[in-house]
Amino acid sequence: MYYIYTMQKELSYWEKESFFRYDVIVIGSGIVGLTAAIALKQSAPNLSIAILERGFLPTGASTKNAGFACFGSISELIEQEKLGLDELLATVEKRWKGLLKLRAILGDERLDYQRLGGFELFKKEDKIHAAECVSKIEHFNQLLKSVVGESAYALNNETISSFGFDKVTSLIENRYEAQIDSGKMMLSLLQYAQQLGVLIFNGCEVNQIDDSTKQLVTANGIFKFNRLIVATNAFIDSLIKGLPINPGRGQVLITKPIKNLKVAGTFHYNRGFYYFRNINGRILLGGGRNLDFSSEETTTFGQTPTVQNALETLLKEVIIPKTSYEIDYRWSGIMAFGNELPPLVKAIHPDIFCATRCNGMGVAIGAETGTDIANLVLQSL
């Protein structure tokens, strides 16, 4: 407390008046927070808006994900349909609209958007599950026809050998799935928000929200707001308690460039718990939290031997068998999950709003979620 007090005391009159009062403050500079600020500025250019980000770079998943522009593999949709057909359709539509919105904001070039297709892998031991997924292809094609277009999914076993896979016996393709460069996306979103007049303060962690005085306590000073958006996804519990959200860590590794790499596209395995893709001649591979849900239900970044060994086994035995490779480095991202499919977008106080729980689909649904929360704020003004 002494540190906060002394920092506040050191501020000049000019600093207090010009840098610590805003019409809208957004906590979190990930996809949701940035697109919320962008949507607000586009609709109401005169609003003063600031984003407070605790990290040097956006912290969480927006710069740490695999860069999948996807809306659901067949096996994922089968599981999600159990929560309700109408809810599934509405959520997939939001994922698709979110991708379209992201592309409209930045353009495909700045996203490095490449529609190479998405593929779900099945091994011999997955025979029963593969048959179930194949039987559902036409069902989901008809269901999503009005959302994404004709014949999204198809059995495509003919391409298995062209990718160089081993032990894979079935492959379901999603022809509308694509990949992006998450780093370029986030850099472009940051630049665009700043061009619109949004101020972004990095290294500014919010320690407390005082809803009675509309103040945010940080080590850098006391910020005052008229409206507040909390868009910290899995980390929201540190500021707002009791929301139906569980964190989920995604561990990732990337190889050094591999000569004559055959893999091209975005790939899903084991109900989406594993995912990999090509990027600049490398393989980026992540997942495995299903091996130990309790350990991976954390907001602590890092790796575990259990997950990393499973990733390397999949890489060596299935993805690039008989191929020499080196792991370049590893990282992790923190996602937010819940028992409901849609993101949690709501007012939790007349002046305080939250946008969270993207259920591992932040790239797809993030821009739509940011726009949704911006609309709620605009309605309250």
Protein backbone atom coordinates (compact mmCIF):
# COMPACT_ATOMS: atom_id res chain seq x y z
CA MET A 1 0.00 0.00 0.00
CA TYR A 2 2.88 2.38 0.72
CA TYR A 3 4.18 1.93 -2.82
CA ILE A 4 0.79 2.80 -4.33
CA TYR A 5 0.51 5.83 -2.05
CA THR A 6 3.94 7.19 -2.89
CA MET A 7 3.49 6.69 -6.61
CA GLN A 8 0.16 8.54 -6.50
CA LYS A 9 1.76 11.33 -4.48
CA GLU A 10 4.57 11.69 -7.03
CA LEU A 11 2.18 12.40 -9.89
CA SER A 12 1.93 15.95 -11.15
CA TYR A 13 -1.31 17.86 -11.54
CA TRP A 14 -0.98 17.54 -15.32
CA GLU A 15 -0.50 13.78 -15.14
CA LYS A 16 -3.49 13.27 -12.87
CA GLU A 17 -5.75 15.41 -15.03
CA SER A 18 -4.70 14.08 -18.44
CA PHE A 19 -3.75 10.42 -17.97
CA PHE A 20 -5.98 8.97 -15.24
CA ARG A 21 -9.58 9.88 -16.20
CA TYR A 22 -11.52 8.17 -19.02
CA ASP A 23 -15.03 7.64 -20.30
CA VAL A 24 -14.26 3.94 -20.73
CA ILE A 25 -11.39 1.85 -19.35
CA VAL A 26 -10.76 -1.66 -20.65
CA ILE A 27 -8.73 -4.07 -18.53
CA GLY A 28 -6.87 -6.47 -20.82
CA SER A 29 -5.34 -5.87 -24.25
CA GLY A 30 -6.12 -9.22 -25.83
CA ILE A 31 -8.37 -9.74 -28.84
CA VAL A 32 -11.56 -9.06 -26.86
CA GLY A 33 -10.27 -5.96 -25.09
CA LEU A 34 -8.78 -4.42 -28.23
CA THR A 35 -11.80 -5.10 -30.46
CA ALA A 36 -14.10 -3.74 -27.75
CA ALA A 37 -12.11 -0.49 -27.67
CA ILE A 38 -12.03 -0.35 -31.47
CA ALA A 39 -15.80 -0.89 -31.74
CA LEU A 40 -16.43 1.85 -29.15
CA LYS A 41 -14.21 4.33 -30.97
CA GLN A 42 -15.78 3.53 -34.32
CA SER A 43 -19.29 4.11 -32.93
CA ALA A 44 -18.47 7.02 -30.61
CA PRO A 45 -15.19 8.70 -31.66
CA ASN A 46 -15.40 11.33 -28.90
CA LEU A 47 -15.20 8.77 -26.09
CA SER A 48 -11.92 8.84 -24.20
CA ILE A 49 -10.75 5.21 -23.92
CA ALA A 50 -7.76 3.60 -22.24
CA ILE A 51 -6.67 -0.02 -22.03
CA LEU A 52 -4.73 -1.21 -18.99
CA GLU A 53 -2.58 -4.29 -19.58
CA ARG A 54 -0.63 -5.92 -16.78
CA GLY A 55 2.06 -7.38 -19.05
CA PHE A 56 4.69 -5.92 -21.34
CA LEU A 57 2.77 -7.77 -24.07
CA PRO A 58 -0.87 -8.96 -23.93
CA THR A 59 -0.99 -11.61 -21.21
CA GLY A 60 -3.09 -14.76 -21.50
CA ALA A 61 -3.76 -16.46 -24.81
CA SER A 62 -4.08 -13.86 -27.58
CA THR A 63 -0.36 -13.86 -28.44
CA LYS A 64 0.25 -17.43 -27.27
CA ASN A 65 -2.33 -19.43 -29.22
CA ALA A 66 -1.76 -21.62 -32.27
CA GLY A 67 -3.32 -19.19 -34.76
CA PHE A 68 -6.23 -21.41 -35.81
CA ALA A 69 -9.02 -19.59 -37.66
CA CYS A 70 -11.45 -22.41 -36.88
CA PHE A 71 -15.02 -22.83 -35.69
CA GLY A 72 -15.05 -26.47 -34.59
CA SER A 73 -13.99 -29.91 -35.76
CA ILE A 74 -16.62 -32.64 -36.13
CA SER A 75 -15.67 -34.32 -32.85
CA GLU A 76 -15.80 -30.99 -31.00
CA LEU A 77 -19.21 -30.18 -32.49
CA ILE A 78 -20.53 -33.60 -31.43
CA GLU A 79 -19.58 -32.86 -27.83
CA GLN A 80 -20.86 -29.29 -27.94
CA GLU A 81 -24.19 -30.32 -29.48
CA LYS A 82 -24.95 -32.14 -26.21
CA LEU A 83 -25.41 -28.70 -24.63
CA GLY A 84 -28.22 -27.91 -27.07
CA LEU A 85 -28.58 -27.68 -30.83
CA ASP A 86 -29.76 -24.06 -30.85
CA GLU A 87 -26.93 -23.01 -28.54
CA LEU A 88 -24.37 -24.78 -30.72
CA LEU A 89 -25.65 -23.15 -33.91
CA ALA A 90 -25.73 -19.68 -32.34
CA THR A 91 -22.20 -20.09 -30.98
CA VAL A 92 -20.73 -21.38 -34.25
CA GLU A 93 -22.36 -18.44 -36.00
CA LYS A 94 -20.66 -16.07 -33.55
CA ARG A 95 -17.32 -17.80 -34.17
CA TRP A 96 -17.75 -17.43 -37.92
CA LYS A 97 -18.88 -13.81 -37.65
CA GLY A 98 -15.97 -13.13 -35.33
CA LEU A 99 -13.51 -14.39 -37.95
CA LEU A 100 -15.20 -12.29 -40.65
CA LYS A 101 -15.11 -9.26 -38.36
CA LEU A 102 -11.42 -9.75 -37.58
CA ARG A 103 -10.65 -10.02 -41.29
CA ALA A 104 -12.73 -6.91 -42.01
CA ILE A 105 -10.93 -4.87 -39.34
CA LEU A 106 -7.39 -5.79 -40.36
CA GLY A 107 -7.50 -7.39 -43.80
CA ASP A 108 -6.15 -10.82 -44.69
CA GLU A 109 -2.64 -9.60 -45.45
CA ARG A 110 -2.04 -8.19 -41.98
CA LEU A 111 -3.41 -11.40 -40.47
CA ASP A 112 -1.39 -13.58 -42.85
CA TYR A 113 -4.71 -15.36 -43.36
CA GLN A 114 -4.26 -18.61 -45.31
CA ARG A 115 -7.20 -20.89 -46.03
CA LEU A 116 -5.31 -24.16 -46.33
CA GLY A 117 -8.10 -26.20 -44.80
CA GLY A 118 -8.45 -27.87 -41.43
CA PHE A 119 -8.11 -31.60 -40.86
CA GLU A 120 -9.15 -33.95 -38.07
CA LEU A 121 -6.97 -37.04 -37.65
CA PHE A 122 -7.99 -40.51 -36.50
CA LYS A 123 -5.67 -43.43 -35.81
CA LYS A 124 -6.48 -47.14 -36.04
CA GLU A 125 -7.39 -47.28 -32.35
CA ASP A 126 -9.88 -44.44 -32.93
CA LYS A 127 -11.92 -46.56 -35.36
CA ILE A 128 -15.24 -46.37 -33.47
CA HIS A 129 -14.92 -42.64 -32.82
CA ALA A 130 -13.92 -42.03 -36.45
CA ALA A 131 -17.00 -43.89 -37.69
CA GLU A 132 -19.23 -41.76 -35.45
CA CYS A 133 -17.64 -38.55 -36.77
CA VAL A 134 -17.92 -39.63 -40.40
CA SER A 135 -21.60 -40.47 -39.85
CA LYS A 136 -22.14 -36.89 -38.61
CA ILE A 137 -20.55 -35.13 -41.60
CA GLU A 138 -23.76 -34.57 -43.53
CA HIS A 139 -25.62 -33.61 -40.34
CA PHE A 140 -23.22 -30.76 -39.59
CA ASN A 141 -22.92 -29.77 -43.25
CA GLN A 142 -26.67 -29.19 -43.34
CA LEU A 143 -26.72 -27.52 -39.92
CA LEU A 144 -23.96 -25.02 -40.77
CA LYS A 145 -24.86 -24.51 -44.43
CA SER A 146 -26.55 -21.18 -43.79
CA VAL A 147 -23.67 -20.00 -41.58
CA VAL A 148 -20.39 -20.88 -43.29
CA GLY A 149 -21.42 -22.22 -46.69
CA GLU A 150 -21.92 -25.45 -48.61
CA SER A 151 -20.28 -28.75 -47.64
CA ALA A 152 -17.83 -27.59 -44.99
CA TYR A 153 -16.79 -31.12 -43.97
CA ALA A 154 -15.77 -34.12 -46.07
CA LEU A 155 -13.90 -37.39 -45.60
CA ASN A 156 -10.51 -36.98 -47.28
CA ASN A 157 -8.40 -40.07 -46.66
CA GLU A 158 -6.65 -39.63 -50.01
CA THR A 159 -4.45 -36.83 -48.65
CA ILE A 160 -3.09 -38.74 -45.63
CA SER A 161 0.03 -39.90 -47.44
CA SER A 162 0.69 -36.47 -48.97
CA PHE A 163 1.10 -35.01 -45.47
CA GLY A 164 3.56 -37.74 -44.53
CA PHE A 165 1.58 -38.97 -41.51
CA ASP A 166 2.01 -42.39 -39.97
CA LYS A 167 -0.64 -44.42 -38.09
CA VAL A 168 -3.42 -42.15 -39.39
CA THR A 169 -6.27 -44.11 -40.97
CA SER A 170 -8.97 -41.44 -41.42
CA LEU A 171 -8.97 -37.72 -42.13
CA ILE A 172 -11.97 -35.36 -42.10
CA GLU A 173 -11.39 -32.04 -43.87
CA ASN A 174 -13.00 -28.68 -43.08
CA ARG A 175 -12.48 -26.66 -46.23
CA TYR A 176 -13.38 -23.33 -44.60
CA GLU A 177 -10.76 -23.53 -41.86
CA ALA A 178 -7.68 -21.32 -42.09
CA GLN A 179 -4.61 -20.22 -40.20
CA ILE A 180 -3.32 -16.81 -39.18
CA ASP A 181 -0.18 -15.32 -37.69
CA SER A 182 -1.23 -14.44 -34.12
CA GLY A 183 1.73 -12.12 -33.60
CA LYS A 184 0.95 -10.07 -36.69
CA MET A 185 -2.73 -10.02 -35.74
CA MET A 186 -2.12 -8.64 -32.26
CA LEU A 187 0.47 -6.11 -33.43
CA SER A 188 -1.96 -4.87 -36.07
CA LEU A 189 -4.85 -4.65 -33.59
CA LEU A 190 -2.69 -2.67 -31.17
CA GLN A 191 -1.61 -0.28 -33.91
CA TYR A 192 -5.15 0.17 -35.20
CA ALA A 193 -6.58 0.88 -31.75
CA GLN A 194 -3.86 3.47 -31.17
CA GLN A 195 -4.56 5.09 -34.54
CA LEU A 196 -8.18 5.55 -33.44
CA GLY A 197 -7.01 7.34 -30.30
CA VAL A 198 -7.13 4.52 -27.75
CA LEU A 199 -4.39 4.85 -25.12
CA ILE A 200 -2.73 1.60 -24.07
CA PHE A 201 -0.78 1.34 -20.82
CA ASN A 202 1.39 -1.76 -20.50
CA GLY A 203 2.84 -2.98 -17.24
CA CYS A 204 -0.19 -1.54 -15.45
CA GLU A 205 -1.83 -4.27 -13.36
CA VAL A 206 -5.13 -3.46 -11.72
CA ASN A 207 -5.11 -4.49 -8.06
CA GLN A 208 -8.60 -3.42 -7.09
CA ILE A 209 -11.87 -2.19 -8.58
CA ASP A 210 -13.82 0.27 -6.44
CA ASP A 211 -17.29 0.33 -7.95
CA SER A 212 -18.61 2.92 -5.47
CA THR A 213 -16.08 5.58 -6.54
CA LYS A 214 -15.49 4.25 -10.07
CA GLN A 215 -11.78 3.94 -9.44
CA LEU A 216 -9.10 1.40 -10.30
CA VAL A 217 -6.17 0.98 -7.95
CA THR A 218 -2.84 0.26 -9.64
CA ALA A 219 0.77 0.62 -8.57
CA ASN A 220 1.03 3.41 -11.14
CA GLY A 221 -1.82 5.50 -9.73
CA ILE A 222 -5.58 5.67 -9.32
CA PHE A 223 -7.56 5.57 -12.58
CA LYS A 224 -11.10 6.94 -12.77
CA PHE A 225 -13.74 5.67 -15.20
CA ASN A 226 -17.33 6.23 -16.19
CA ARG A 227 -17.64 2.73 -17.66
CA LEU A 228 -15.37 -0.28 -17.19
CA ILE A 229 -14.88 -3.40 -19.30
CA VAL A 230 -13.04 -6.33 -17.73
CA ALA A 231 -11.66 -8.47 -20.57
CA THR A 232 -9.01 -10.54 -18.83
CA ASN A 233 -10.58 -13.92 -19.74
CA ALA A 234 -9.15 -16.63 -17.44
CA PHE A 235 -7.61 -14.08 -15.08
CA ILE A 236 -10.88 -12.34 -14.29
CA ASP A 237 -11.27 -14.09 -10.92
CA SER A 238 -8.52 -11.90 -9.45
CA LEU A 239 -10.80 -8.87 -9.98
CA ILE A 240 -14.35 -10.25 -10.04
CA LYS A 241 -15.08 -13.30 -7.91
CA GLY A 242 -17.63 -16.02 -8.44
CA LEU A 243 -18.03 -16.09 -12.21
CA PRO A 244 -18.58 -19.57 -13.77
CA ILE A 245 -15.14 -19.78 -15.36
CA ASN A 246 -12.25 -22.23 -15.13
CA PRO A 247 -8.76 -21.54 -16.49
CA GLY A 248 -7.14 -24.02 -18.86
CA ARG A 249 -3.46 -23.97 -19.70
CA GLY A 250 -2.42 -24.83 -23.24
CA GLN A 251 1.18 -26.02 -23.59
CA VAL A 252 2.85 -25.45 -26.94
CA LEU A 253 6.13 -26.31 -28.64
CA ILE A 254 7.62 -25.34 -31.98
CA THR A 255 10.34 -27.03 -34.00
CA LYS A 256 13.19 -25.48 -35.86
CA PRO A 257 12.61 -25.29 -39.64
CA ILE A 258 12.27 -28.76 -41.20
CA LYS A 259 13.53 -29.38 -44.71
CA ASN A 260 10.82 -30.42 -47.21
CA LEU A 261 8.03 -30.25 -44.64
CA LYS A 262 4.87 -31.82 -46.09
CA VAL A 263 2.39 -30.67 -43.45
CA ALA A 264 0.26 -27.71 -44.59
CA GLY A 265 -2.91 -26.62 -42.83
CA THR A 266 -4.41 -26.76 -39.37
CA PHE A 267 -4.86 -30.14 -37.74
CA HIS A 268 -6.89 -31.50 -34.81
CA TYR A 269 -6.50 -34.77 -32.95
CA ASN A 270 -8.26 -36.51 -30.04
CA ARG A 271 -11.41 -34.34 -29.90
CA GLY A 272 -9.41 -31.18 -30.36
CA PHE A 273 -7.23 -31.70 -27.29
CA TYR A 274 -4.19 -31.75 -29.60
CA TYR A 275 -3.63 -29.34 -32.46
CA PHE A 276 -0.79 -28.58 -34.85
CA ARG A 277 0.04 -26.63 -37.97
CA ASN A 278 2.83 -25.49 -40.25
CA ILE A 279 4.42 -22.07 -39.81
CA ASN A 280 7.48 -20.88 -41.74
CA GLY A 281 8.68 -24.42 -42.38
CA ARG A 282 8.17 -25.45 -38.75
CA ILE A 283 5.63 -27.54 -36.86
CA LEU A 284 3.76 -25.78 -34.06
CA LEU A 285 2.11 -28.33 -31.79
CA GLY A 286 0.05 -27.86 -28.64
CA GLY A 287 -2.51 -29.39 -26.32
CA GLY A 288 -2.58 -32.34 -23.98
CA ARG A 289 -4.40 -30.71 -21.07
CA ASN A 290 -6.79 -33.69 -21.05
CA LEU A 291 -3.94 -35.80 -19.65
CA ASP A 292 -4.24 -34.02 -16.32
CA PHE A 293 -7.15 -31.59 -16.21
CA SER A 294 -6.62 -30.68 -12.55
CA SER A 295 -2.99 -29.65 -13.07
CA GLU A 296 -3.78 -27.74 -16.25
CA GLU A 297 -6.69 -25.88 -14.65
CA THR A 298 -4.32 -23.12 -13.62
CA THR A 299 -3.37 -19.51 -14.34
CA THR A 300 0.32 -20.33 -13.91
CA PHE A 301 2.36 -20.40 -17.10
CA GLY A 302 4.79 -23.26 -17.66
CA GLN A 303 5.28 -26.81 -18.92
CA THR A 304 4.97 -30.27 -17.41
CA PRO A 305 6.90 -33.44 -18.41
CA THR A 306 3.63 -35.37 -18.82
CA VAL A 307 2.24 -33.06 -21.47
CA GLN A 308 5.53 -32.28 -23.20
CA ASN A 309 6.39 -35.97 -23.53
CA ALA A 310 2.97 -36.65 -25.04
CA LEU A 311 3.42 -33.81 -27.53
CA GLU A 312 6.84 -35.07 -28.59
CA THR A 313 5.56 -38.64 -28.94
CA LEU A 314 2.75 -37.46 -31.23
CA LEU A 315 5.22 -35.39 -33.21
CA LYS A 316 7.73 -38.20 -33.64
CA GLU A 317 5.38 -41.14 -34.20
CA VAL A 318 2.50 -39.60 -36.14
CA ILE A 319 3.11 -36.09 -37.53
CA ILE A 320 6.67 -36.28 -38.89
CA PRO A 321 7.79 -39.92 -38.57
CA LYS A 322 11.27 -40.83 -39.81
CA THR A 323 12.10 -37.12 -39.93
CA SER A 324 14.92 -35.38 -38.12
CA TYR A 325 13.82 -32.39 -36.09
CA GLU A 326 14.80 -30.18 -33.18
CA ILE A 327 12.52 -28.44 -30.71
CA ASP A 328 13.29 -24.74 -30.87
CA TYR A 329 11.36 -23.57 -27.80
CA ARG A 330 8.21 -24.02 -25.73
CA TRP A 331 5.57 -21.78 -24.16
CA SER A 332 2.07 -21.86 -22.70
CA GLY A 333 -1.12 -19.81 -22.86
CA ILE A 334 -4.02 -19.56 -20.44
CA MET A 335 -7.57 -19.99 -21.78
CA ALA A 336 -10.95 -19.75 -20.03
CA PHE A 337 -13.62 -22.45 -20.12
CA GLY A 338 -17.09 -22.96 -18.71
CA ASN A 339 -20.11 -25.26 -18.84
CA GLU A 340 -21.87 -23.01 -21.35
CA LEU A 341 -20.80 -22.56 -24.97
CA PRO A 342 -21.26 -18.81 -25.49
CA PRO A 343 -18.77 -16.33 -24.03
CA LEU A 344 -19.82 -14.59 -20.83
CA VAL A 345 -20.79 -11.06 -21.88
CA LYS A 346 -22.77 -9.15 -19.29
CA ALA A 347 -23.13 -6.13 -17.04
CA ILE A 348 -22.15 -7.04 -13.49
CA HIS A 349 -22.83 -3.51 -12.21
CA PRO A 350 -24.56 -0.56 -13.93
CA ASP A 351 -21.11 0.78 -14.90
CA ILE A 352 -18.99 -2.39 -14.99
CA PHE A 353 -19.07 -5.02 -17.72
CA CYS A 354 -17.23 -8.27 -18.38
CA ALA A 355 -16.38 -10.19 -21.53
CA THR A 356 -14.73 -13.53 -20.92
CA ARG A 357 -14.91 -17.34 -21.33
CA CYS A 358 -14.06 -17.84 -25.00
CA ASN A 359 -13.75 -21.62 -24.46
CA GLY A 360 -10.50 -21.95 -26.39
CA MET A 361 -11.93 -20.20 -29.47
CA GLY A 362 -10.64 -16.68 -28.84
CA VAL A 363 -9.21 -16.17 -32.32
CA ALA A 364 -12.58 -16.99 -33.86
CA ILE A 365 -15.03 -15.52 -31.40
CA GLY A 366 -12.91 -12.76 -29.83
CA ALA A 367 -13.79 -9.93 -32.22
CA GLU A 368 -17.51 -10.71 -32.03
CA THR A 369 -17.30 -10.85 -28.24
CA GLY A 370 -15.49 -7.51 -28.13
CA THR A 371 -18.16 -5.96 -30.32
CA ASP A 372 -20.95 -7.44 -28.20
CA ILE A 373 -19.56 -5.97 -24.98
CA ALA A 374 -18.96 -2.60 -26.69
CA ASN A 375 -22.63 -2.53 -27.71
CA LEU A 376 -23.70 -3.19 -24.12
CA VAL A 377 -21.57 -0.27 -22.95
CA LEU A 378 -22.94 2.03 -25.64
CA GLN A 379 -26.49 1.19 -24.60
CA SER A 380 -25.65 2.23 -21.03
CA LEU A 381 -24.30 5.66 -21.93
